[in-house]
């Protein structure tokens, strides 16, 4: 069975989701390094790895169902782009807070999940 070609929106959306997964992978690497030097608990590694695995699973499932979705209209696309930019700004802020001991790894994981939810959640109306 031949795959249907991806629309430009599906390609853009996949790239944005890939960015979130890459940030989550970097977060896991940072947590491992901090646990190795003793500034984070080893349980934080498991928590972040679990969050990354869940995120990867959701993104993979989303990619396989891409052909069944209706692409949003121009204004809906613009709204999703704005929401994604805001969510990624929140990820940046969470990272700074985590680096300064102001939040837990669970809060950082939640900010990454919120960024992915821009596309994995219900469509913008």
C-alpha atoms as a PDB file:
ATOM      1  CA  UNK A   1       0.000   0.000   0.000  1.00  0.00           C
ATOM      2  CA  UNK A   2       1.452   3.371  -1.008  1.00  0.00           C
ATOM      3  CA  UNK A   3       1.650   6.142   1.539  1.00  0.00           C
ATOM      4  CA  UNK A   4      -0.155   9.366   0.802  1.00  0.00           C
ATOM      5  CA  UNK A   5       2.175  12.356   0.543  1.00  0.00           C
ATOM      6  CA  UNK A   6       2.369  14.587   3.565  1.00  0.00           C
ATOM      7  CA  UNK A   7       0.935  18.053   3.366  1.00  0.00           C
ATOM      8  CA  UNK A   8       3.194  20.978   4.177  1.00  0.00           C
ATOM      9  CA  UNK A   9       1.303  21.389   7.464  1.00  0.00           C
ATOM     10  CA  UNK A  10       1.858  17.746   8.430  1.00  0.00           C
ATOM     11  CA  UNK A  11       5.562  18.160   7.678  1.00  0.00           C
ATOM     12  CA  UNK A  12       5.778  21.361   9.724  1.00  0.00           C
ATOM     13  CA  UNK A  13       3.812  19.799  12.578  1.00  0.00           C
ATOM     14  CA  UNK A  14       6.062  16.721  12.600  1.00  0.00           C
ATOM     15  CA  UNK A  15       9.139  18.958  12.736  1.00  0.00           C
ATOM     16  CA  UNK A  16       7.748  20.843  15.733  1.00  0.00           C
ATOM     17  CA  UNK A  17       6.932  17.614  17.551  1.00  0.00           C
ATOM     18  CA  UNK A  18      10.437  16.352  16.765  1.00  0.00           C
ATOM     19  CA  UNK A  19      11.814  19.505  18.379  1.00  0.00           C
ATOM     20  CA  UNK A  20       9.923  18.725  21.592  1.00  0.00           C
ATOM     21  CA  UNK A  21      11.226  15.150  21.616  1.00  0.00           C
ATOM     22  CA  UNK A  22      14.791  16.389  21.063  1.00  0.00           C
ATOM     23  CA  UNK A  23      14.427  18.805  23.989  1.00  0.00           C
ATOM     24  CA  UNK A  24      13.117  15.941  26.136  1.00  0.00           C
ATOM     25  CA  UNK A  25      16.129  13.796  25.179  1.00  0.00           C
ATOM     26  CA  UNK A  26      18.476  16.638  26.107  1.00  0.00           C
ATOM     27  CA  UNK A  27      16.637  16.983  29.411  1.00  0.00           C
ATOM     28  CA  UNK A  28      17.150  13.271  30.164  1.00  0.00           C
ATOM     29  CA  UNK A  29      20.869  13.592  29.372  1.00  0.00           C
ATOM     30  CA  UNK A  30      21.122  16.618  31.696  1.00  0.00           C
ATOM     31  CA  UNK A  31      19.336  14.753  34.490  1.00  0.00           C
ATOM     32  CA  UNK A  32      21.685  11.770  34.072  1.00  0.00           C
ATOM     33  CA  UNK A  33      24.713  14.056  34.281  1.00  0.00           C
ATOM     34  CA  UNK A  34      23.380  15.778  37.401  1.00  0.00           C
ATOM     35  CA  UNK A  35      22.567  12.473  39.061  1.00  0.00           C
ATOM     36  CA  UNK A  36      26.092  11.270  38.288  1.00  0.00           C
ATOM     37  CA  UNK A  37      27.626  14.208  40.155  1.00  0.00           C
ATOM     38  CA  UNK A  38      25.099  14.016  42.969  1.00  0.00           C
ATOM     39  CA  UNK A  39      23.043  17.153  42.410  1.00  0.00           C
ATOM     40  CA  UNK A  40      19.895  15.192  41.489  1.00  0.00           C
ATOM     41  CA  UNK A  41      18.393  12.012  42.815  1.00  0.00           C
ATOM     42  CA  UNK A  42      18.661   8.863  40.692  1.00  0.00           C
ATOM     43  CA  UNK A  43      14.863   8.554  40.741  1.00  0.00           C
ATOM     44  CA  UNK A  44      14.747  11.739  38.649  1.00  0.00           C
ATOM     45  CA  UNK A  45      16.450   9.823  35.842  1.00  0.00           C
ATOM     46  CA  UNK A  46      13.705   7.200  35.800  1.00  0.00           C
ATOM     47  CA  UNK A  47      10.967   9.833  35.931  1.00  0.00           C
ATOM     48  CA  UNK A  48      12.417  11.772  33.003  1.00  0.00           C
ATOM     49  CA  UNK A  49      13.109   8.616  30.987  1.00  0.00           C
ATOM     50  CA  UNK A  50       9.520   7.496  31.497  1.00  0.00           C
ATOM     51  CA  UNK A  51       8.213  10.885  30.402  1.00  0.00           C
ATOM     52  CA  UNK A  52      10.434  10.779  27.315  1.00  0.00           C
ATOM     53  CA  UNK A  53       9.253   7.268  26.424  1.00  0.00           C
ATOM     54  CA  UNK A  54       5.614   8.319  26.793  1.00  0.00           C
ATOM     55  CA  UNK A  55       6.206  11.397  24.648  1.00  0.00           C
ATOM     56  CA  UNK A  56       7.959   9.359  21.940  1.00  0.00           C
ATOM     57  CA  UNK A  57       5.117   6.826  21.951  1.00  0.00           C
ATOM     58  CA  UNK A  58       2.491   9.570  21.553  1.00  0.00           C
ATOM     59  CA  UNK A  59       4.416  11.277  18.755  1.00  0.00           C
ATOM     60  CA  UNK A  60       4.961   7.963  16.925  1.00  0.00           C
ATOM     61  CA  UNK A  61       1.251   7.156  17.194  1.00  0.00           C
ATOM     62  CA  UNK A  62       0.419  10.626  15.935  1.00  0.00           C
ATOM     63  CA  UNK A  63       2.731  10.283  12.923  1.00  0.00           C
ATOM     64  CA  UNK A  64       1.122   6.987  11.916  1.00  0.00           C
ATOM     65  CA  UNK A  65      -2.350   8.546  12.062  1.00  0.00           C
ATOM     66  CA  UNK A  66      -1.366  11.691  10.134  1.00  0.00           C
ATOM     67  CA  UNK A  67      -3.261  10.665   7.021  1.00  0.00           C
ATOM     68  CA  UNK A  68      -6.560  10.492   8.904  1.00  0.00           C
ATOM     69  CA  UNK A  69      -6.457  14.112  10.089  1.00  0.00           C
ATOM     70  CA  UNK A  70      -7.893  17.126   8.342  1.00  0.00           C
ATOM     71  CA  UNK A  71      -5.372  19.952   8.107  1.00  0.00           C
ATOM     72  CA  UNK A  72      -6.404  23.126   9.937  1.00  0.00           C
ATOM     73  CA  UNK A  73      -7.271  26.295   8.093  1.00  0.00           C
ATOM     74  CA  UNK A  74      -4.865  29.238   7.839  1.00  0.00           C
ATOM     75  CA  UNK A  75      -6.078  30.991  11.014  1.00  0.00           C
ATOM     76  CA  UNK A  76      -6.073  27.693  12.923  1.00  0.00           C
ATOM     77  CA  UNK A  77      -2.512  27.009  11.791  1.00  0.00           C
ATOM     78  CA  UNK A  78      -1.443  30.462  12.917  1.00  0.00           C
ATOM     79  CA  UNK A  79      -3.086  29.908  16.303  1.00  0.00           C
ATOM     80  CA  UNK A  80      -1.301  26.572  16.739  1.00  0.00           C
ATOM     81  CA  UNK A  81       2.042  28.122  15.785  1.00  0.00           C
ATOM     82  CA  UNK A  82       1.529  30.843  18.390  1.00  0.00           C
ATOM     83  CA  UNK A  83       0.484  28.318  21.048  1.00  0.00           C
ATOM     84  CA  UNK A  84       3.539  26.210  20.233  1.00  0.00           C
ATOM     85  CA  UNK A  85       5.888  29.196  20.487  1.00  0.00           C
ATOM     86  CA  UNK A  86       4.366  30.092  23.852  1.00  0.00           C
ATOM     87  CA  UNK A  87       4.699  26.503  25.043  1.00  0.00           C
ATOM     88  CA  UNK A  88       8.349  26.360  23.978  1.00  0.00           C
ATOM     89  CA  UNK A  89       8.975  29.637  25.808  1.00  0.00           C
ATOM     90  CA  UNK A  90       7.476  27.946  28.883  1.00  0.00           C
ATOM     91  CA  UNK A  91       9.887  25.021  28.343  1.00  0.00           C
ATOM     92  CA  UNK A  92      12.801  27.482  28.246  1.00  0.00           C
ATOM     93  CA  UNK A  93      11.606  29.101  31.474  1.00  0.00           C
ATOM     94  CA  UNK A  94      11.130  25.710  33.131  1.00  0.00           C
ATOM     95  CA  UNK A  95      14.664  24.746  32.148  1.00  0.00           C
ATOM     96  CA  UNK A  96      16.072  27.889  33.765  1.00  0.00           C
ATOM     97  CA  UNK A  97      14.030  27.218  36.898  1.00  0.00           C
ATOM     98  CA  UNK A  98      15.171  23.601  37.003  1.00  0.00           C
ATOM     99  CA  UNK A  99      18.796  24.660  36.607  1.00  0.00           C
ATOM    100  CA  UNK A 100      18.363  26.974  39.593  1.00  0.00           C
ATOM    101  CA  UNK A 101      16.598  24.434  41.792  1.00  0.00           C
ATOM    102  CA  UNK A 102      13.242  26.201  41.653  1.00  0.00           C
ATOM    103  CA  UNK A 103      11.218  23.311  40.152  1.00  0.00           C
ATOM    104  CA  UNK A 104      11.419  19.539  40.004  1.00  0.00           C
ATOM    105  CA  UNK A 105      12.144  17.341  37.019  1.00  0.00           C
ATOM    106  CA  UNK A 106       8.455  16.420  37.021  1.00  0.00           C
ATOM    107  CA  UNK A 107       7.563  20.068  36.393  1.00  0.00           C
ATOM    108  CA  UNK A 108      10.058  20.203  33.528  1.00  0.00           C
ATOM    109  CA  UNK A 109       8.595  17.003  32.096  1.00  0.00           C
ATOM    110  CA  UNK A 110       5.122  18.557  32.353  1.00  0.00           C
ATOM    111  CA  UNK A 111       6.233  21.626  30.403  1.00  0.00           C
ATOM    112  CA  UNK A 112       7.575  19.402  27.618  1.00  0.00           C
ATOM    113  CA  UNK A 113       4.323  17.440  27.568  1.00  0.00           C
ATOM    114  CA  UNK A 114       2.364  20.700  27.362  1.00  0.00           C
ATOM    115  CA  UNK A 115       4.398  21.757  24.321  1.00  0.00           C
ATOM    116  CA  UNK A 116       3.621  18.475  22.571  1.00  0.00           C
ATOM    117  CA  UNK A 117      -0.040  18.743  23.576  1.00  0.00           C
ATOM    118  CA  UNK A 118      -0.377  21.788  21.337  1.00  0.00           C
ATOM    119  CA  UNK A 119      -0.432  19.324  18.436  1.00  0.00           C
ATOM    120  CA  UNK A 120      -1.394  16.072  20.137  1.00  0.00           C
ATOM    121  CA  UNK A 121      -4.433  17.474  21.906  1.00  0.00           C
ATOM    122  CA  UNK A 122      -7.765  18.422  20.356  1.00  0.00           C
ATOM    123  CA  UNK A 123      -7.581  20.751  17.348  1.00  0.00           C
ATOM    124  CA  UNK A 124      -7.767  24.501  17.836  1.00  0.00           C
ATOM    125  CA  UNK A 125     -11.204  25.939  17.049  1.00  0.00           C
END
